Amino acid sequence: MPVRYPELPKFVRFVDSEVDNLYTTLSEWGAKLLLDLQTRDIQEETRPSTNIFTVVTVTQIGRPQAGNIAYSASRGKFVGYVSLGADTSWHDLN
């Protein structure tokens, strides 16, 4: 995975122990932040996208998934596929 966020250099050592401790604390916080950002990026990149179809009727879509959107030419409307428990059906969006 390419590096997206800058990191503090790990080889720095200061003569003053207070400055060294502050730098260490900042470096640890920065590493945690980088991990959180990279985790968020991976979650966003692997999240399924919404599919948008153009069909005459929504029955042409074999296996719809929750969040799919289609323009139904027979209805002349956009519809969205909703999956709420036992209710899995297309609903008008406009």
N, C-alpha and C. Protein backbone atom coordinates (compact mmCIF):
# COMPACT_ATOMS: atom_id res chain seq x y z
N MET A 1 0.85 -1.17 0.00
CA MET A 1 0.00 0.00 0.00
C MET A 1 0.90 1.24 0.00
N PRO A 2 0.65 2.15 -0.90
CA PRO A 2 1.47 3.37 -0.94
C PRO A 2 1.23 4.22 0.31
N VAL A 3 2.26 4.94 0.70
CA VAL A 3 2.17 5.82 1.87
C VAL A 3 1.38 7.06 1.47
N ARG A 4 0.34 7.37 2.23
CA ARG A 4 -0.50 8.52 1.92
C ARG A 4 -0.29 9.67 2.89
N TYR A 5 0.20 9.34 4.06
CA TYR A 5 0.31 10.34 5.11
C TYR A 5 1.76 10.40 5.59
N PRO A 6 2.25 11.60 5.86
CA PRO A 6 3.65 11.72 6.30
C PRO A 6 3.83 11.21 7.73
N GLU A 7 5.00 10.70 8.01
CA GLU A 7 5.34 10.22 9.34
C GLU A 7 6.49 11.05 9.89
N LEU A 8 6.54 11.16 11.21
CA LEU A 8 7.68 11.82 11.85
C LEU A 8 8.88 10.90 11.75
N PRO A 9 10.05 11.43 11.57
CA PRO A 9 11.24 10.58 11.52
C PRO A 9 11.42 9.83 12.85
N LYS A 10 11.82 8.56 12.76
CA LYS A 10 11.94 7.74 13.96
C LYS A 10 13.34 7.76 14.55
N PHE A 11 14.29 8.33 13.87
CA PHE A 11 15.68 8.27 14.29
C PHE A 11 16.11 9.48 15.12
N VAL A 12 15.21 10.39 15.41
CA VAL A 12 15.58 11.62 16.12
C VAL A 12 15.71 11.34 17.61
N ARG A 13 16.79 11.82 18.21
CA ARG A 13 17.01 11.77 19.66
C ARG A 13 17.49 13.14 20.11
N PHE A 14 16.88 13.62 21.19
CA PHE A 14 17.23 14.93 21.71
C PHE A 14 18.04 14.78 22.98
N VAL A 15 18.89 15.77 23.25
CA VAL A 15 19.72 15.77 24.47
C VAL A 15 18.84 16.03 25.69
N ASP A 16 17.91 16.96 25.58
CA ASP A 16 17.01 17.30 26.67
C ASP A 16 15.96 16.20 26.81
N SER A 17 15.84 15.59 27.98
CA SER A 17 14.92 14.46 28.16
C SER A 17 13.45 14.90 28.05
N GLU A 18 13.12 16.12 28.45
CA GLU A 18 11.73 16.59 28.32
C GLU A 18 11.35 16.71 26.85
N VAL A 19 12.23 17.25 26.06
CA VAL A 19 11.97 17.38 24.63
C VAL A 19 11.89 15.98 24.00
N ASP A 20 12.78 15.09 24.42
CA ASP A 20 12.77 13.72 23.91
C ASP A 20 11.46 13.02 24.27
N ASN A 21 10.99 13.20 25.51
CA ASN A 21 9.71 12.59 25.93
C ASN A 21 8.54 13.18 25.15
N LEU A 22 8.56 14.49 24.95
CA LEU A 22 7.50 15.13 24.17
C LEU A 22 7.49 14.60 22.74
N TYR A 23 8.67 14.48 22.14
CA TYR A 23 8.76 13.96 20.78
C TYR A 23 8.26 12.52 20.72
N THR A 24 8.63 11.71 21.70
CA THR A 24 8.18 10.32 21.74
C THR A 24 6.66 10.24 21.84
N THR A 25 6.09 11.06 22.72
CA THR A 25 4.63 11.09 22.87
C THR A 25 3.96 11.53 21.57
N LEU A 26 4.48 12.57 20.96
CA LEU A 26 3.95 13.05 19.69
C LEU A 26 4.08 11.99 18.61
N SER A 27 5.19 11.31 18.57
CA SER A 27 5.42 10.27 17.58
C SER A 27 4.43 9.11 17.76
N GLU A 28 4.18 8.71 19.01
CA GLU A 28 3.22 7.64 19.29
C GLU A 28 1.80 8.06 18.89
N TRP A 29 1.45 9.30 19.21
CA TRP A 29 0.14 9.81 18.83
C TRP A 29 0.00 9.85 17.30
N GLY A 30 1.06 10.30 16.63
CA GLY A 30 1.05 10.35 15.17
C GLY A 30 0.90 8.98 14.55
N ALA A 31 1.58 7.97 15.13
CA ALA A 31 1.47 6.61 14.61
C ALA A 31 0.05 6.08 14.77
N LYS A 32 -0.59 6.38 15.90
CA LYS A 32 -1.98 5.96 16.12
C LYS A 32 -2.91 6.65 15.13
N LEU A 33 -2.69 7.93 14.91
CA LEU A 33 -3.50 8.67 13.95
C LEU A 33 -3.34 8.08 12.55
N LEU A 34 -2.11 7.79 12.15
CA LEU A 34 -1.87 7.19 10.84
C LEU A 34 -2.58 5.86 10.70
N LEU A 35 -2.54 5.03 11.73
CA LEU A 35 -3.22 3.74 11.70
C LEU A 35 -4.72 3.93 11.54
N ASP A 36 -5.29 4.89 12.30
CA ASP A 36 -6.72 5.16 12.19
C ASP A 36 -7.09 5.66 10.79
N LEU A 37 -6.28 6.53 10.23
CA LEU A 37 -6.56 7.04 8.88
C LEU A 37 -6.46 5.95 7.83
N GLN A 38 -5.45 5.11 7.94
CA GLN A 38 -5.29 4.02 6.97
C GLN A 38 -6.42 3.01 7.10
N THR A 39 -6.85 2.71 8.33
CA THR A 39 -7.98 1.80 8.54
C THR A 39 -9.24 2.38 7.92
N ARG A 40 -9.48 3.67 8.13
CA ARG A 40 -10.64 4.32 7.53
C ARG A 40 -10.60 4.27 6.02
N ASP A 41 -9.41 4.52 5.45
CA ASP A 41 -9.27 4.48 3.99
C ASP A 41 -9.57 3.10 3.44
N ILE A 42 -9.07 2.08 4.10
CA ILE A 42 -9.32 0.70 3.64
C ILE A 42 -10.81 0.38 3.72
N GLN A 43 -11.47 0.79 4.80
CA GLN A 43 -12.90 0.56 4.92
C GLN A 43 -13.68 1.27 3.82
N GLU A 44 -13.31 2.49 3.50
CA GLU A 44 -13.99 3.24 2.45
C GLU A 44 -13.75 2.62 1.08
N GLU A 45 -12.53 2.17 0.83
CA GLU A 45 -12.19 1.62 -0.48
C GLU A 45 -12.81 0.25 -0.71
N THR A 46 -13.08 -0.50 0.34
CA THR A 46 -13.63 -1.84 0.19
C THR A 46 -15.15 -1.87 0.34
N ARG A 47 -15.74 -0.73 0.68
CA ARG A 47 -17.20 -0.66 0.81
C ARG A 47 -17.82 -0.77 -0.58
N PRO A 48 -18.83 -1.63 -0.74
CA PRO A 48 -19.45 -1.76 -2.07
C PRO A 48 -20.08 -0.45 -2.53
N SER A 49 -19.96 -0.19 -3.79
CA SER A 49 -20.58 1.02 -4.34
C SER A 49 -22.01 0.73 -4.73
N THR A 50 -22.76 1.77 -4.92
CA THR A 50 -24.14 1.63 -5.37
C THR A 50 -24.14 1.42 -6.87
N ASN A 51 -24.90 0.43 -7.31
CA ASN A 51 -25.05 0.18 -8.74
C ASN A 51 -26.27 0.94 -9.25
N ILE A 52 -26.14 1.57 -10.39
CA ILE A 52 -27.26 2.27 -11.02
C ILE A 52 -27.52 1.61 -12.38
N PHE A 53 -28.72 1.11 -12.56
CA PHE A 53 -29.09 0.39 -13.77
C PHE A 53 -30.10 1.20 -14.57
N THR A 54 -30.14 0.98 -15.87
CA THR A 54 -31.20 1.50 -16.72
C THR A 54 -31.88 0.30 -17.36
N VAL A 55 -33.13 0.11 -17.04
CA VAL A 55 -33.86 -1.08 -17.49
C VAL A 55 -35.28 -0.69 -17.90
N VAL A 56 -35.91 -1.60 -18.64
CA VAL A 56 -37.32 -1.39 -18.96
C VAL A 56 -38.15 -1.67 -17.71
N THR A 57 -37.90 -2.81 -17.07
CA THR A 57 -38.54 -3.13 -15.79
C THR A 57 -37.47 -3.65 -14.84
N VAL A 58 -37.68 -3.44 -13.55
CA VAL A 58 -36.68 -3.85 -12.56
C VAL A 58 -36.57 -5.37 -12.45
N THR A 59 -37.53 -6.09 -12.98
CA THR A 59 -37.44 -7.56 -12.95
C THR A 59 -36.28 -8.05 -13.81
N GLN A 60 -35.74 -7.20 -14.67
CA GLN A 60 -34.59 -7.57 -15.49
C GLN A 60 -33.31 -7.69 -14.66
N ILE A 61 -33.31 -7.11 -13.47
CA ILE A 61 -32.14 -7.16 -12.61
C ILE A 61 -32.23 -8.45 -11.80
N GLY A 62 -31.33 -9.36 -12.09
CA GLY A 62 -31.40 -10.70 -11.50
C GLY A 62 -31.26 -10.78 -10.00
N ARG A 63 -30.23 -10.19 -9.47
CA ARG A 63 -29.96 -10.27 -8.02
C ARG A 63 -29.70 -8.87 -7.47
N PRO A 64 -30.76 -8.11 -7.23
CA PRO A 64 -30.54 -6.77 -6.70
C PRO A 64 -30.01 -6.83 -5.28
N GLN A 65 -29.25 -5.80 -4.91
CA GLN A 65 -28.71 -5.67 -3.56
C GLN A 65 -29.22 -4.37 -2.96
N ALA A 66 -29.34 -4.36 -1.65
CA ALA A 66 -29.79 -3.15 -0.96
C ALA A 66 -28.91 -1.98 -1.38
N GLY A 67 -29.54 -0.88 -1.73
CA GLY A 67 -28.81 0.31 -2.16
C GLY A 67 -28.73 0.47 -3.66
N ASN A 68 -29.11 -0.58 -4.43
CA ASN A 68 -29.10 -0.45 -5.89
C ASN A 68 -30.16 0.56 -6.32
N ILE A 69 -29.85 1.28 -7.38
CA ILE A 69 -30.77 2.27 -7.95
C ILE A 69 -30.96 1.93 -9.41
N ALA A 70 -32.19 2.05 -9.89
CA ALA A 70 -32.46 1.78 -11.30
C ALA A 70 -33.43 2.82 -11.84
N TYR A 71 -33.28 3.10 -13.14
CA TYR A 71 -34.28 3.92 -13.82
C TYR A 71 -35.18 2.95 -14.56
N SER A 72 -36.43 2.86 -14.14
CA SER A 72 -37.40 1.96 -14.75
C SER A 72 -38.11 2.71 -15.87
N ALA A 73 -37.79 2.34 -17.11
CA ALA A 73 -38.41 3.02 -18.26
C ALA A 73 -39.91 2.78 -18.31
N SER A 74 -40.37 1.60 -17.87
CA SER A 74 -41.81 1.32 -17.90
C SER A 74 -42.57 2.19 -16.90
N ARG A 75 -41.95 2.52 -15.79
CA ARG A 75 -42.57 3.39 -14.78
C ARG A 75 -42.23 4.86 -15.03
N GLY A 76 -41.12 5.10 -15.72
CA GLY A 76 -40.66 6.47 -15.93
C GLY A 76 -40.15 7.09 -14.64
N LYS A 77 -39.61 6.25 -13.75
CA LYS A 77 -39.15 6.72 -12.45
C LYS A 77 -37.84 6.03 -12.05
N PHE A 78 -37.15 6.69 -11.14
CA PHE A 78 -36.02 6.04 -10.48
C PHE A 78 -36.57 5.25 -9.30
N VAL A 79 -36.03 4.05 -9.11
CA VAL A 79 -36.44 3.22 -7.99
C VAL A 79 -35.19 2.75 -7.25
N GLY A 80 -35.37 2.50 -5.96
CA GLY A 80 -34.27 2.01 -5.14
C GLY A 80 -34.63 0.70 -4.51
N TYR A 81 -33.67 -0.20 -4.41
CA TYR A 81 -33.92 -1.51 -3.81
C TYR A 81 -33.67 -1.43 -2.31
N VAL A 82 -34.69 -1.75 -1.55
CA VAL A 82 -34.63 -1.65 -0.09
C VAL A 82 -34.70 -3.04 0.51
N SER A 83 -33.86 -3.29 1.48
CA SER A 83 -33.86 -4.56 2.19
C SER A 83 -33.95 -4.27 3.68
N LEU A 84 -35.15 -4.36 4.22
CA LEU A 84 -35.39 -4.13 5.65
C LEU A 84 -36.03 -5.39 6.24
N GLY A 85 -35.21 -6.25 6.81
CA GLY A 85 -35.72 -7.49 7.38
C GLY A 85 -36.31 -8.36 6.28
N ALA A 86 -37.59 -8.67 6.42
CA ALA A 86 -38.26 -9.52 5.44
C ALA A 86 -38.68 -8.74 4.19
N ASP A 87 -38.73 -7.41 4.27
CA ASP A 87 -39.14 -6.58 3.14
C ASP A 87 -37.95 -6.30 2.23
N THR A 88 -37.95 -6.92 1.08
CA THR A 88 -36.92 -6.66 0.07
C THR A 88 -37.65 -6.34 -1.23
N SER A 89 -37.70 -5.06 -1.57
CA SER A 89 -38.45 -4.68 -2.75
C SER A 89 -37.94 -3.35 -3.30
N TRP A 90 -38.41 -3.03 -4.50
CA TRP A 90 -38.09 -1.76 -5.15
C TRP A 90 -39.10 -0.71 -4.72
N HIS A 91 -38.61 0.48 -4.39
CA HIS A 91 -39.47 1.58 -3.98
C HIS A 91 -39.16 2.79 -4.85
N ASP A 92 -40.22 3.55 -5.18
CA ASP A 92 -40.04 4.77 -5.97
C ASP A 92 -39.17 5.78 -5.20
N LEU A 93 -38.26 6.42 -5.93
CA LEU A 93 -37.41 7.45 -5.32
C LEU A 93 -37.91 8.84 -5.62
N ASN A 94 -38.80 8.99 -6.59
CA ASN A 94 -39.30 10.32 -6.92
C ASN A 94 -40.79 10.34 -7.05
